[in-house]
Amino acid sequence: MDRIEIRNGATGELKTFKEKELLRKWIDEARSIKITPDPSQEKRTGFRYSANLYEGDQLKFGFTDSQIGNVYILPSEQLHNQLKSLFES
């Protein structure tokens, strides 16, 4: 990945991170987070943070702290904290 864009869902503020070592470390840590699909897949809106991972100008992977792809996930404080930590760095 060349960059990660994190958006704060409350403010709409977008931050971009491009430092290779920071990206590598963040991705390695994020991989260990256990994600559980929400048994209720009813449509909903909103998120606290979203992340888009890019290679060049191509979006490779995007998610929020409440949805990955078309699957809603149960709240994960670990995922939220991971996104918030990068956003606030």
PDB file of N, CA and C in Angstrom:
ATOM      1  N   MET A   1       0.831  -1.167   0.000  1.00  0.00           N
ATOM      2  CA  MET A   1       0.000   0.000   0.000  1.00  0.00           C
ATOM      3  C   MET A   1       0.888   1.247   0.000  1.00  0.00           C
ATOM      4  N   ASP A   2       0.457   2.228  -0.773  1.00  0.00           N
ATOM      5  CA  ASP A   2       1.192   3.488  -0.851  1.00  0.00           C
ATOM      6  C   ASP A   2       0.651   4.551   0.090  1.00  0.00           C
ATOM      7  N   ARG A   3      -0.655   4.451   0.388  1.00  0.00           N
ATOM      8  CA  ARG A   3      -1.243   5.435   1.288  1.00  0.00           C
ATOM      9  C   ARG A   3      -2.536   4.895   1.881  1.00  0.00           C
ATOM     10  N   ILE A   4      -2.864   5.465   3.035  1.00  0.00           N
ATOM     11  CA  ILE A   4      -4.124   5.173   3.705  1.00  0.00           C
ATOM     12  C   ILE A   4      -4.805   6.505   3.957  1.00  0.00           C
ATOM     13  N   GLU A   5      -6.080   6.562   3.635  1.00  0.00           N
ATOM     14  CA  GLU A   5      -6.883   7.728   3.949  1.00  0.00           C
ATOM     15  C   GLU A   5      -7.879   7.331   5.032  1.00  0.00           C
ATOM     16  N   ILE A   6      -7.885   8.107   6.116  1.00  0.00           N
ATOM     17  CA  ILE A   6      -8.799   7.867   7.227  1.00  0.00           C
ATOM     18  C   ILE A   6      -9.742   9.064   7.319  1.00  0.00           C
ATOM     19  N   ARG A   7     -11.041   8.783   7.383  1.00  0.00           N
ATOM     20  CA  ARG A   7     -12.038   9.851   7.523  1.00  0.00           C
ATOM     21  C   ARG A   7     -12.733   9.721   8.874  1.00  0.00           C
ATOM     22  N   ASN A   8     -12.856  10.851   9.550  1.00  0.00           N
ATOM     23  CA  ASN A   8     -13.604  10.916  10.792  1.00  0.00           C
ATOM     24  C   ASN A   8     -15.076  11.076  10.423  1.00  0.00           C
ATOM     25  N   GLY A   9     -15.902  10.126  10.819  1.00  0.00           N
ATOM     26  CA  GLY A   9     -17.311  10.152  10.457  1.00  0.00           C
ATOM     27  C   GLY A   9     -18.095  11.263  11.136  1.00  0.00           C
ATOM     28  N   ALA A  10     -17.606  11.756  12.269  1.00  0.00           N
ATOM     29  CA  ALA A  10     -18.321  12.819  12.991  1.00  0.00           C
ATOM     30  C   ALA A  10     -18.073  14.185  12.365  1.00  0.00           C
ATOM     31  N   THR A  11     -16.838  14.411  11.897  1.00  0.00           N
ATOM     32  CA  THR A  11     -16.475  15.736  11.384  1.00  0.00           C
ATOM     33  C   THR A  11     -16.320  15.775   9.872  1.00  0.00           C
ATOM     34  N   GLY A  12     -16.125  14.619   9.249  1.00  0.00           N
ATOM     35  CA  GLY A  12     -15.872  14.565   7.811  1.00  0.00           C
ATOM     36  C   GLY A  12     -14.423  14.822   7.461  1.00  0.00           C
ATOM     37  N   GLU A  13     -13.605  15.129   8.462  1.00  0.00           N
ATOM     38  CA  GLU A  13     -12.190  15.422   8.211  1.00  0.00           C
ATOM     39  C   GLU A  13     -11.481  14.190   7.645  1.00  0.00           C
ATOM     40  N   LEU A  14     -10.643  14.414   6.636  1.00  0.00           N
ATOM     41  CA  LEU A  14      -9.892  13.353   5.973  1.00  0.00           C
ATOM     42  C   LEU A  14      -8.404  13.589   6.163  1.00  0.00           C
ATOM     43  N   LYS A  15      -7.696  12.540   6.563  1.00  0.00           N
ATOM     44  CA  LYS A  15      -6.241  12.613   6.700  1.00  0.00           C
ATOM     45  C   LYS A  15      -5.621  11.509   5.853  1.00  0.00           C
ATOM     46  N   THR A  16      -4.492  11.839   5.239  1.00  0.00           N
ATOM     47  CA  THR A  16      -3.785  10.893   4.379  1.00  0.00           C
ATOM     48  C   THR A  16      -2.425  10.579   4.992  1.00  0.00           C
ATOM     49  N   PHE A  17      -2.065   9.305   4.977  1.00  0.00           N
ATOM     50  CA  PHE A  17      -0.798   8.840   5.538  1.00  0.00           C
ATOM     51  C   PHE A  17      -0.037   8.092   4.457  1.00  0.00           C
ATOM     52  N   LYS A  18       1.247   8.478   4.269  1.00  0.00           N
ATOM     53  CA  LYS A  18       2.051   7.894   3.198  1.00  0.00           C
ATOM     54  C   LYS A  18       3.382   7.313   3.671  1.00  0.00           C
ATOM     55  N   GLU A  19       3.730   7.504   4.913  1.00  0.00           N
ATOM     56  CA  GLU A  19       5.021   7.031   5.415  1.00  0.00           C
ATOM     57  C   GLU A  19       5.041   5.501   5.426  1.00  0.00           C
ATOM     58  N   LYS A  20       5.967   4.916   4.661  1.00  0.00           N
ATOM     59  CA  LYS A  20       6.003   3.462   4.437  1.00  0.00           C
ATOM     60  C   LYS A  20       6.051   2.662   5.738  1.00  0.00           C
ATOM     61  N   GLU A  21       6.919   3.045   6.657  1.00  0.00           N
ATOM     62  CA  GLU A  21       7.070   2.289   7.908  1.00  0.00           C
ATOM     63  C   GLU A  21       5.795   2.378   8.749  1.00  0.00           C
ATOM     64  N   LEU A  22       5.183   3.530   8.804  1.00  0.00           N
ATOM     65  CA  LEU A  22       3.932   3.715   9.536  1.00  0.00           C
ATOM     66  C   LEU A  22       2.835   2.848   8.921  1.00  0.00           C
ATOM     67  N   LEU A  23       2.736   2.836   7.596  1.00  0.00           N
ATOM     68  CA  LEU A  23       1.726   2.025   6.906  1.00  0.00           C
ATOM     69  C   LEU A  23       1.930   0.543   7.174  1.00  0.00           C
ATOM     70  N   ARG A  24       3.177   0.107   7.056  1.00  0.00           N
ATOM     71  CA  ARG A  24       3.480  -1.315   7.276  1.00  0.00           C
ATOM     72  C   ARG A  24       3.103  -1.740   8.688  1.00  0.00           C
ATOM     73  N   LYS A  25       3.495  -0.937   9.674  1.00  0.00           N
ATOM     74  CA  LYS A  25       3.201  -1.255  11.071  1.00  0.00           C
ATOM     75  C   LYS A  25       1.691  -1.261  11.316  1.00  0.00           C
ATOM     76  N   TRP A  26       0.991  -0.259  10.798  1.00  0.00           N
ATOM     77  CA  TRP A  26      -0.447  -0.167  11.017  1.00  0.00           C
ATOM     78  C   TRP A  26      -1.175  -1.358  10.395  1.00  0.00           C
ATOM     79  N   ILE A  27      -0.815  -1.722   9.182  1.00  0.00           N
ATOM     80  CA  ILE A  27      -1.448  -2.858   8.505  1.00  0.00           C
ATOM     81  C   ILE A  27      -1.165  -4.155   9.247  1.00  0.00           C
ATOM     82  N   ASP A  28       0.076  -4.343   9.698  1.00  0.00           N
ATOM     83  CA  ASP A  28       0.422  -5.553  10.457  1.00  0.00           C
ATOM     84  C   ASP A  28      -0.428  -5.667  11.721  1.00  0.00           C
ATOM     85  N   GLU A  29      -0.607  -4.553  12.430  1.00  0.00           N
ATOM     86  CA  GLU A  29      -1.402  -4.569  13.651  1.00  0.00           C
ATOM     87  C   GLU A  29      -2.884  -4.788  13.340  1.00  0.00           C
ATOM     88  N   ALA A  30      -3.372  -4.189  12.278  1.00  0.00           N
ATOM     89  CA  ALA A  30      -4.785  -4.312  11.919  1.00  0.00           C
ATOM     90  C   ALA A  30      -5.138  -5.744  11.517  1.00  0.00           C
ATOM     91  N   ARG A  31      -4.192  -6.461  10.958  1.00  0.00           N
ATOM     92  CA  ARG A  31      -4.454  -7.842  10.523  1.00  0.00           C
ATOM     93  C   ARG A  31      -4.821  -8.760  11.682  1.00  0.00           C
ATOM     94  N   SER A  32      -4.374  -8.434  12.882  1.00  0.00           N
ATOM     95  CA  SER A  32      -4.618  -9.313  14.029  1.00  0.00           C
ATOM     96  C   SER A  32      -5.966  -9.050  14.706  1.00  0.00           C
ATOM     97  N   ILE A  33      -6.690  -8.045  14.248  1.00  0.00           N
ATOM     98  CA  ILE A  33      -7.969  -7.702  14.875  1.00  0.00           C
ATOM     99  C   ILE A  33      -9.045  -8.697  14.447  1.00  0.00           C
ATOM    100  N   LYS A  34      -9.746  -9.232  15.441  1.00  0.00           N
ATOM    101  CA  LYS A  34     -10.822 -10.183  15.163  1.00  0.00           C
ATOM    102  C   LYS A  34     -12.083  -9.393  14.813  1.00  0.00           C
ATOM    103  N   ILE A  35     -12.631  -9.686  13.656  1.00  0.00           N
ATOM    104  CA  ILE A  35     -13.842  -9.037  13.167  1.00  0.00           C
ATOM    105  C   ILE A  35     -14.961 -10.070  13.143  1.00  0.00           C
ATOM    106  N   THR A  36     -16.131  -9.680  13.669  1.00  0.00           N
ATOM    107  CA  THR A  36     -17.267 -10.586  13.715  1.00  0.00           C
ATOM    108  C   THR A  36     -18.433  -9.975  12.934  1.00  0.00           C
ATOM    109  N   PRO A  37     -18.953 -10.694  11.946  1.00  0.00           N
ATOM    110  CA  PRO A  37     -20.132 -10.192  11.234  1.00  0.00           C
ATOM    111  C   PRO A  37     -21.298  -9.991  12.198  1.00  0.00           C
ATOM    112  N   ASP A  38     -22.050  -8.936  11.999  1.00  0.00           N
ATOM    113  CA  ASP A  38     -23.237  -8.686  12.805  1.00  0.00           C
ATOM    114  C   ASP A  38     -24.329  -9.646  12.340  1.00  0.00           C
ATOM    115  N   PRO A  39     -24.948 -10.387  13.271  1.00  0.00           N
ATOM    116  CA  PRO A  39     -26.030 -11.293  12.861  1.00  0.00           C
ATOM    117  C   PRO A  39     -27.173 -10.552  12.159  1.00  0.00           C
ATOM    118  N   SER A  40     -27.383  -9.295  12.523  1.00  0.00           N
ATOM    119  CA  SER A  40     -28.402  -8.483  11.863  1.00  0.00           C
ATOM    120  C   SER A  40     -27.745  -7.696  10.736  1.00  0.00           C
ATOM    121  N   GLN A  41     -28.077  -8.038   9.528  1.00  0.00           N
ATOM    122  CA  GLN A  41     -27.491  -7.351   8.376  1.00  0.00           C
ATOM    123  C   GLN A  41     -28.456  -6.309   7.810  1.00  0.00           C
ATOM    124  N   GLU A  42     -29.321  -5.768   8.686  1.00  0.00           N
ATOM    125  CA  GLU A  42     -30.238  -4.720   8.253  1.00  0.00           C
ATOM    126  C   GLU A  42     -29.455  -3.475   7.873  1.00  0.00           C
ATOM    127  N   LYS A  43     -29.909  -2.801   6.819  1.00  0.00           N
ATOM    128  CA  LYS A  43     -29.234  -1.613   6.310  1.00  0.00           C
ATOM    129  C   LYS A  43     -29.152  -0.538   7.386  1.00  0.00           C
ATOM    130  N   ARG A  44     -28.009   0.146   7.432  1.00  0.00           N
ATOM    131  CA  ARG A  44     -27.798   1.234   8.380  1.00  0.00           C
ATOM    132  C   ARG A  44     -26.864   2.263   7.774  1.00  0.00           C
ATOM    133  N   THR A  45     -26.731   3.375   8.431  1.00  0.00           N
ATOM    134  CA  THR A  45     -25.853   4.437   7.940  1.00  0.00           C
ATOM    135  C   THR A  45     -24.946   4.894   9.070  1.00  0.00           C
ATOM    136  N   GLY A  46     -23.880   5.592   8.687  1.00  0.00           N
ATOM    137  CA  GLY A  46     -22.982   6.197   9.665  1.00  0.00           C
ATOM    138  C   GLY A  46     -21.804   5.323  10.036  1.00  0.00           C
ATOM    139  N   PHE A  47     -20.755   5.987  10.493  1.00  0.00           N
ATOM    140  CA  PHE A  47     -19.549   5.321  10.969  1.00  0.00           C
ATOM    141  C   PHE A  47     -18.752   6.322  11.792  1.00  0.00           C
ATOM    142  N   ARG A  48     -17.878   5.800  12.638  1.00  0.00           N
ATOM    143  CA  ARG A  48     -16.999   6.687  13.407  1.00  0.00           C
ATOM    144  C   ARG A  48     -15.740   6.997  12.598  1.00  0.00           C
ATOM    145  N   TYR A  49     -15.181   5.974  11.939  1.00  0.00           N
ATOM    146  CA  TYR A  49     -14.014   6.154  11.082  1.00  0.00           C
ATOM    147  C   TYR A  49     -14.132   5.241   9.876  1.00  0.00           C
ATOM    148  N   SER A  50     -13.584   5.699   8.763  1.00  0.00           N
ATOM    149  CA  SER A  50     -13.474   4.850   7.578  1.00  0.00           C
ATOM    150  C   SER A  50     -12.028   4.880   7.119  1.00  0.00           C
ATOM    151  N   ALA A  51     -11.637   3.844   6.404  1.00  0.00           N
ATOM    152  CA  ALA A  51     -10.269   3.761   5.888  1.00  0.00           C
ATOM    153  C   ALA A  51     -10.305   3.284   4.446  1.00  0.00           C
ATOM    154  N   ASN A  52      -9.487   3.918   3.613  1.00  0.00           N
ATOM    155  CA  ASN A  52      -9.283   3.481   2.233  1.00  0.00           C
ATOM    156  C   ASN A  52      -7.794   3.265   2.035  1.00  0.00           C
ATOM    157  N   LEU A  53      -7.430   2.104   1.520  1.00  0.00           N
ATOM    158  CA  LEU A  53      -6.040   1.758   1.285  1.00  0.00           C
ATOM    159  C   LEU A  53      -5.786   1.773  -0.215  1.00  0.00           C
ATOM    160  N   TYR A  54      -4.753   2.495  -0.619  1.00  0.00           N
ATOM    161  CA  TYR A  54      -4.451   2.700  -2.037  1.00  0.00           C
ATOM    162  C   TYR A  54      -3.082   2.165  -2.407  1.00  0.00           C
ATOM    163  N   GLU A  55      -3.008   1.700  -3.639  1.00  0.00           N
ATOM    164  CA  GLU A  55      -1.751   1.373  -4.299  1.00  0.00           C
ATOM    165  C   GLU A  55      -1.725   2.255  -5.533  1.00  0.00           C
ATOM    166  N   GLY A  56      -0.839   3.243  -5.532  1.00  0.00           N
ATOM    167  CA  GLY A  56      -0.888   4.254  -6.579  1.00  0.00           C
ATOM    168  C   GLY A  56      -2.198   5.006  -6.446  1.00  0.00           C
ATOM    169  N   ASP A  57      -2.905   5.168  -7.539  1.00  0.00           N
ATOM    170  CA  ASP A  57      -4.203   5.836  -7.496  1.00  0.00           C
ATOM    171  C   ASP A  57      -5.365   4.851  -7.410  1.00  0.00           C
ATOM    172  N   GLN A  58      -5.048   3.567  -7.278  1.00  0.00           N
ATOM    173  CA  GLN A  58      -6.084   2.542  -7.273  1.00  0.00           C
ATOM    174  C   GLN A  58      -6.464   2.154  -5.850  1.00  0.00           C
ATOM    175  N   LEU A  59      -7.766   2.267  -5.547  1.00  0.00           N
ATOM    176  CA  LEU A  59      -8.288   1.829  -4.258  1.00  0.00           C
ATOM    177  C   LEU A  59      -8.210   0.308  -4.200  1.00  0.00           C
ATOM    178  N   LYS A  60      -7.498  -0.219  -3.209  1.00  0.00           N
ATOM    179  CA  LYS A  60      -7.350  -1.663  -3.070  1.00  0.00           C
ATOM    180  C   LYS A  60      -8.309  -2.247  -2.046  1.00  0.00           C
ATOM    181  N   PHE A  61      -8.615  -1.452  -1.003  1.00  0.00           N
ATOM    182  CA  PHE A  61      -9.467  -1.968   0.061  1.00  0.00           C
ATOM    183  C   PHE A  61     -10.028  -0.798   0.848  1.00  0.00           C
ATOM    184  N   GLY A  62     -11.301  -0.831   1.125  1.00  0.00           N
ATOM    185  CA  GLY A  62     -11.932   0.207   1.906  1.00  0.00           C
ATOM    186  C   GLY A  62     -12.911  -0.404   2.902  1.00  0.00           C
ATOM    187  N   PHE A  63     -13.016   0.215   4.073  1.00  0.00           N
ATOM    188  CA  PHE A  63     -13.926  -0.284   5.105  1.00  0.00           C
ATOM    189  C   PHE A  63     -14.221   0.821   6.108  1.00  0.00           C
ATOM    190  N   THR A  64     -15.227   0.582   6.927  1.00  0.00           N
ATOM    191  CA  THR A  64     -15.516   1.465   8.050  1.00  0.00           C
ATOM    192  C   THR A  64     -15.437   0.631   9.324  1.00  0.00           C
ATOM    193  N   ASP A  65     -15.603   1.291  10.449  1.00  0.00           N
ATOM    194  CA  ASP A  65     -15.598   0.534  11.700  1.00  0.00           C
ATOM    195  C   ASP A  65     -16.932  -0.172  11.945  1.00  0.00           C
ATOM    196  N   SER A  66     -17.849  -0.090  10.979  1.00  0.00           N
ATOM    197  CA  SER A  66     -19.128  -0.795  11.107  1.00  0.00           C
ATOM    198  C   SER A  66     -19.463  -1.678   9.902  1.00  0.00           C
ATOM    199  N   GLN A  67     -18.636  -1.612   8.855  1.00  0.00           N
ATOM    200  CA  GLN A  67     -18.938  -2.375   7.645  1.00  0.00           C
ATOM    201  C   GLN A  67     -17.660  -2.661   6.858  1.00  0.00           C
ATOM    202  N   ILE A  68     -17.554  -3.898   6.397  1.00  0.00           N
ATOM    203  CA  ILE A  68     -16.460  -4.288   5.514  1.00  0.00           C
ATOM    204  C   ILE A  68     -17.104  -4.902   4.282  1.00  0.00           C
ATOM    205  N   GLY A  69     -16.864  -4.277   3.146  1.00  0.00           N
ATOM    206  CA  GLY A  69     -17.558  -4.711   1.931  1.00  0.00           C
ATOM    207  C   GLY A  69     -19.046  -4.502   2.117  1.00  0.00           C
ATOM    208  N   ASN A  70     -19.823  -5.531   1.846  1.00  0.00           N
ATOM    209  CA  ASN A  70     -21.275  -5.461   2.029  1.00  0.00           C
ATOM    210  C   ASN A  70     -21.725  -6.098   3.335  1.00  0.00           C
ATOM    211  N   VAL A  71     -20.787  -6.334   4.248  1.00  0.00           N
ATOM    212  CA  VAL A  71     -21.096  -7.023   5.501  1.00  0.00           C
ATOM    213  C   VAL A  71     -20.967  -6.057   6.672  1.00  0.00           C
ATOM    214  N   TYR A  72     -22.044  -5.916   7.434  1.00  0.00           N
ATOM    215  CA  TYR A  72     -21.993  -5.127   8.659  1.00  0.00           C
ATOM    216  C   TYR A  72     -21.310  -5.962   9.736  1.00  0.00           C
ATOM    217  N   ILE A  73     -20.506  -5.300  10.554  1.00  0.00           N
ATOM    218  CA  ILE A  73     -19.750  -6.008  11.587  1.00  0.00           C
ATOM    219  C   ILE A  73     -20.169  -5.515  12.967  1.00  0.00           C
ATOM    220  N   LEU A  74     -19.958  -6.379  13.957  1.00  0.00           N
ATOM    221  CA  LEU A  74     -20.217  -5.981  15.331  1.00  0.00           C
ATOM    222  C   LEU A  74     -19.174  -4.945  15.749  1.00  0.00           C
ATOM    223  N   PRO A  75     -19.547  -4.042  16.656  1.00  0.00           N
ATOM    224  CA  PRO A  75     -18.579  -3.034  17.105  1.00  0.00           C
ATOM    225  C   PRO A  75     -17.324  -3.696  17.665  1.00  0.00           C
ATOM    226  N   SER A  76     -16.179  -3.170  17.280  1.00  0.00           N
ATOM    227  CA  SER A  76     -14.892  -3.657  17.758  1.00  0.00           C
ATOM    228  C   SER A  76     -14.103  -2.453  18.270  1.00  0.00           C
ATOM    229  N   GLU A  77     -13.947  -2.397  19.586  1.00  0.00           N
ATOM    230  CA  GLU A  77     -13.170  -1.288  20.152  1.00  0.00           C
ATOM    231  C   GLU A  77     -11.728  -1.351  19.665  1.00  0.00           C
ATOM    232  N   GLN A  78     -11.215  -2.544  19.430  1.00  0.00           N
ATOM    233  CA  GLN A  78      -9.849  -2.687  18.937  1.00  0.00           C
ATOM    234  C   GLN A  78      -9.722  -2.053  17.549  1.00  0.00           C
ATOM    235  N   LEU A  79     -10.680  -2.321  16.666  1.00  0.00           N
ATOM    236  CA  LEU A  79     -10.651  -1.716  15.332  1.00  0.00           C
ATOM    237  C   LEU A  79     -10.840  -0.209  15.435  1.00  0.00           C
ATOM    238  N   HIS A  80     -11.802   0.227  16.238  1.00  0.00           N
ATOM    239  CA  HIS A  80     -12.030   1.657  16.422  1.00  0.00           C
ATOM    240  C   HIS A  80     -10.762   2.343  16.918  1.00  0.00           C
ATOM    241  N   ASN A  81     -10.126   1.764  17.931  1.00  0.00           N
ATOM    242  CA  ASN A  81      -8.914   2.361  18.492  1.00  0.00           C
ATOM    243  C   ASN A  81      -7.773   2.394  17.485  1.00  0.00           C
ATOM    244  N   GLN A  82      -7.682   1.377  16.646  1.00  0.00           N
ATOM    245  CA  GLN A  82      -6.646   1.325  15.617  1.00  0.00           C
ATOM    246  C   GLN A  82      -6.849   2.466  14.608  1.00  0.00           C
ATOM    247  N   LEU A  83      -8.073   2.668  14.169  1.00  0.00           N
ATOM    248  CA  LEU A  83      -8.376   3.739  13.223  1.00  0.00           C
ATOM    249  C   LEU A  83      -8.195   5.101  13.877  1.00  0.00           C
ATOM    250  N   LYS A  84      -8.693   5.262  15.081  1.00  0.00           N
ATOM    251  CA  LYS A  84      -8.574   6.538  15.800  1.00  0.00           C
ATOM    252  C   LYS A  84      -7.120   6.896  16.060  1.00  0.00           C
ATOM    253  N   SER A  85      -6.326   5.913  16.447  1.00  0.00           N
ATOM    254  CA  SER A  85      -4.915   6.145  16.728  1.00  0.00           C
ATOM    255  C   SER A  85      -4.171   6.672  15.499  1.00  0.00           C
ATOM    256  N   LEU A  86      -4.410   6.060  14.348  1.00  0.00           N
ATOM    257  CA  LEU A  86      -3.759   6.533  13.137  1.00  0.00           C
ATOM    258  C   LEU A  86      -4.280   7.935  12.772  1.00  0.00           C
ATOM    259  N   PHE A  87      -5.570   8.140  12.862  1.00  0.00           N
ATOM    260  CA  PHE A  87      -6.160   9.430  12.513  1.00  0.00           C
ATOM    261  C   PHE A  87      -5.565  10.540  13.381  1.00  0.00           C
ATOM    262  N   GLU A  88      -5.376  10.273  14.652  1.00  0.00           N
ATOM    263  CA  GLU A  88      -4.897  11.288  15.582  1.00  0.00           C
ATOM    264  C   GLU A  88      -3.374  11.416  15.611  1.00  0.00           C
ATOM    265  N   SER A  89      -2.668  10.580  14.873  1.00  0.00           N
ATOM    266  CA  SER A  89      -1.190  10.641  14.883  1.00  0.00           C
ATOM    267  C   SER A  89      -0.663  11.780  14.032  1.00  0.00           C
TER     268      SER A  89
END
